[in-house]
Amino acid sequence: MSKEELNDFANPRKFSLQALVEVADLNMERIRFVWTKLWRELSAHFEDVGSHPNLHVVIFAIDSLR
């Protein structure tokens, strides 16, 4: 869903991206095995977002992951 929202390069929605950031934050305390599997999926999406053509989206994603 987040990828679909970000397809509009001029005016991308960041709602689902923010939800993924919250999922990552809330699950950091899980055991390493579970967190590794979860992060493998999330990090691939964050890599795509980090190369988004809209600089505002890139900055939002990087700031959110801090």
N, C-alpha and C. Protein backbone atom coordinates (compact mmCIF):
# COMPACT_ATOMS: atom_id res chain seq x y z
N MET A 1 0.83 -1.18 0.00
CA MET A 1 0.00 0.00 0.00
C MET A 1 0.88 1.25 0.00
N SER A 2 1.94 1.23 0.76
CA SER A 2 2.82 2.39 0.83
C SER A 2 3.42 2.70 -0.54
N LYS A 3 3.81 1.67 -1.28
CA LYS A 3 4.37 1.90 -2.62
C LYS A 3 3.35 2.55 -3.53
N GLU A 4 2.10 2.13 -3.43
CA GLU A 4 1.05 2.73 -4.25
C GLU A 4 0.84 4.19 -3.89
N GLU A 5 0.84 4.49 -2.60
CA GLU A 5 0.67 5.88 -2.17
C GLU A 5 1.80 6.77 -2.65
N LEU A 6 3.00 6.21 -2.76
CA LEU A 6 4.16 7.00 -3.16
C LEU A 6 4.32 7.08 -4.68
N ASN A 7 3.46 6.43 -5.45
CA ASN A 7 3.56 6.47 -6.91
C ASN A 7 3.26 7.85 -7.48
N ASP A 8 2.47 8.64 -6.80
CA ASP A 8 2.19 10.01 -7.26
C ASP A 8 3.38 10.87 -6.87
N PHE A 9 4.30 11.10 -7.81
CA PHE A 9 5.56 11.76 -7.49
C PHE A 9 5.37 13.23 -7.09
N ALA A 10 4.36 13.89 -7.64
CA ALA A 10 4.15 15.31 -7.34
C ALA A 10 3.54 15.50 -5.95
N ASN A 11 2.63 14.62 -5.57
CA ASN A 11 1.94 14.77 -4.28
C ASN A 11 1.77 13.40 -3.61
N PRO A 12 2.86 12.79 -3.18
CA PRO A 12 2.76 11.45 -2.58
C PRO A 12 2.16 11.48 -1.18
N ARG A 13 1.38 10.45 -0.86
CA ARG A 13 0.85 10.30 0.49
C ARG A 13 1.84 9.50 1.30
N LYS A 14 2.01 9.87 2.57
CA LYS A 14 2.99 9.21 3.42
C LYS A 14 2.35 8.48 4.59
N PHE A 15 1.04 8.31 4.57
CA PHE A 15 0.35 7.69 5.69
C PHE A 15 0.85 6.26 5.95
N SER A 16 0.88 5.43 4.92
CA SER A 16 1.30 4.03 5.10
C SER A 16 2.79 3.94 5.42
N LEU A 17 3.57 4.85 4.88
CA LEU A 17 5.00 4.87 5.20
C LEU A 17 5.19 5.16 6.68
N GLN A 18 4.43 6.10 7.22
CA GLN A 18 4.50 6.40 8.64
C GLN A 18 4.07 5.20 9.47
N ALA A 19 3.06 4.49 9.00
CA ALA A 19 2.61 3.29 9.72
C ALA A 19 3.71 2.23 9.75
N LEU A 20 4.46 2.08 8.66
CA LEU A 20 5.57 1.12 8.64
C LEU A 20 6.67 1.53 9.60
N VAL A 21 6.92 2.81 9.71
CA VAL A 21 7.91 3.31 10.67
C VAL A 21 7.47 2.95 12.09
N GLU A 22 6.19 3.13 12.37
CA GLU A 22 5.66 2.79 13.70
C GLU A 22 5.74 1.29 13.97
N VAL A 23 5.46 0.48 12.96
CA VAL A 23 5.58 -0.97 13.10
C VAL A 23 7.01 -1.34 13.46
N ALA A 24 7.96 -0.75 12.75
CA ALA A 24 9.38 -1.03 13.04
C ALA A 24 9.72 -0.62 14.47
N ASP A 25 9.28 0.55 14.87
CA ASP A 25 9.58 1.06 16.21
C ASP A 25 8.98 0.18 17.30
N LEU A 26 7.74 -0.22 17.12
CA LEU A 26 7.06 -1.01 18.14
C LEU A 26 7.58 -2.44 18.24
N ASN A 27 8.23 -2.93 17.20
CA ASN A 27 8.69 -4.31 17.20
C ASN A 27 10.18 -4.47 17.45
N MET A 28 10.88 -3.40 17.74
CA MET A 28 12.32 -3.47 17.97
C MET A 28 12.68 -4.32 19.18
N GLU A 29 11.80 -4.43 20.13
CA GLU A 29 12.09 -5.17 21.35
C GLU A 29 11.85 -6.68 21.22
N ARG A 30 11.40 -7.12 20.07
CA ARG A 30 11.17 -8.55 19.87
C ARG A 30 12.50 -9.29 19.86
N ILE A 31 12.42 -10.61 20.01
CA ILE A 31 13.65 -11.39 19.98
C ILE A 31 14.33 -11.21 18.62
N ARG A 32 15.63 -11.36 18.61
CA ARG A 32 16.43 -11.06 17.42
C ARG A 32 15.96 -11.82 16.18
N PHE A 33 15.59 -13.07 16.33
CA PHE A 33 15.15 -13.88 15.19
C PHE A 33 13.92 -13.26 14.52
N VAL A 34 12.95 -12.88 15.32
CA VAL A 34 11.71 -12.28 14.78
C VAL A 34 12.02 -10.92 14.18
N TRP A 35 12.79 -10.10 14.89
CA TRP A 35 13.12 -8.76 14.41
C TRP A 35 13.88 -8.83 13.09
N THR A 36 14.78 -9.78 12.94
CA THR A 36 15.56 -9.90 11.71
C THR A 36 14.66 -10.20 10.52
N LYS A 37 13.71 -11.09 10.70
CA LYS A 37 12.78 -11.41 9.61
C LYS A 37 11.93 -10.19 9.25
N LEU A 38 11.46 -9.50 10.25
CA LEU A 38 10.64 -8.30 10.01
C LEU A 38 11.46 -7.21 9.33
N TRP A 39 12.67 -6.97 9.83
CA TRP A 39 13.50 -5.90 9.28
C TRP A 39 13.91 -6.19 7.84
N ARG A 40 14.09 -7.46 7.51
CA ARG A 40 14.45 -7.83 6.14
C ARG A 40 13.41 -7.31 5.16
N GLU A 41 12.14 -7.44 5.52
CA GLU A 41 11.06 -6.96 4.65
C GLU A 41 10.96 -5.44 4.66
N LEU A 42 11.01 -4.86 5.84
CA LEU A 42 10.87 -3.41 5.94
C LEU A 42 12.04 -2.67 5.30
N SER A 43 13.24 -3.17 5.49
CA SER A 43 14.42 -2.45 4.98
C SER A 43 14.41 -2.39 3.46
N ALA A 44 13.91 -3.40 2.80
CA ALA A 44 13.82 -3.37 1.34
C ALA A 44 12.92 -2.22 0.88
N HIS A 45 11.83 -2.03 1.58
CA HIS A 45 10.93 -0.92 1.23
C HIS A 45 11.59 0.43 1.54
N PHE A 46 12.26 0.54 2.68
CA PHE A 46 12.91 1.79 3.02
C PHE A 46 14.05 2.12 2.04
N GLU A 47 14.69 1.12 1.49
CA GLU A 47 15.70 1.36 0.46
C GLU A 47 15.06 1.97 -0.78
N ASP A 48 13.91 1.45 -1.18
CA ASP A 48 13.20 2.02 -2.33
C ASP A 48 12.77 3.45 -2.06
N VAL A 49 12.27 3.69 -0.87
CA VAL A 49 11.82 5.04 -0.51
C VAL A 49 13.00 6.00 -0.46
N GLY A 50 14.16 5.52 -0.05
CA GLY A 50 15.34 6.36 0.02
C GLY A 50 15.82 6.85 -1.34
N SER A 51 15.37 6.21 -2.41
CA SER A 51 15.74 6.66 -3.75
C SER A 51 14.53 7.22 -4.51
N HIS A 52 13.52 7.63 -3.77
CA HIS A 52 12.30 8.20 -4.37
C HIS A 52 12.65 9.53 -5.06
N PRO A 53 12.02 9.84 -6.19
CA PRO A 53 12.33 11.09 -6.90
C PRO A 53 11.92 12.36 -6.14
N ASN A 54 10.99 12.24 -5.20
CA ASN A 54 10.55 13.40 -4.43
C ASN A 54 11.42 13.51 -3.18
N LEU A 55 12.18 14.57 -3.08
CA LEU A 55 13.12 14.75 -1.98
C LEU A 55 12.42 14.82 -0.62
N HIS A 56 11.20 15.34 -0.58
CA HIS A 56 10.46 15.41 0.68
C HIS A 56 10.17 14.02 1.25
N VAL A 57 9.89 13.08 0.37
CA VAL A 57 9.64 11.70 0.80
C VAL A 57 10.92 11.08 1.35
N VAL A 58 12.03 11.31 0.67
CA VAL A 58 13.32 10.77 1.10
C VAL A 58 13.68 11.31 2.48
N ILE A 59 13.56 12.60 2.66
CA ILE A 59 13.88 13.23 3.95
C ILE A 59 12.97 12.72 5.05
N PHE A 60 11.68 12.58 4.75
CA PHE A 60 10.73 12.07 5.73
C PHE A 60 11.11 10.66 6.18
N ALA A 61 11.45 9.81 5.22
CA ALA A 61 11.80 8.41 5.55
C ALA A 61 13.07 8.35 6.40
N ILE A 62 14.07 9.10 6.03
CA ILE A 62 15.33 9.07 6.76
C ILE A 62 15.16 9.64 8.16
N ASP A 63 14.46 10.74 8.27
CA ASP A 63 14.22 11.34 9.59
C ASP A 63 13.40 10.41 10.48
N SER A 64 12.45 9.72 9.90
CA SER A 64 11.60 8.82 10.68
C SER A 64 12.37 7.63 11.22
N LEU A 65 13.38 7.19 10.51
CA LEU A 65 14.13 6.01 10.92
C LEU A 65 15.16 6.31 12.00
N ARG A 66 15.38 7.56 12.29
CA ARG A 66 16.34 7.90 13.35
C ARG A 66 15.81 7.49 14.64
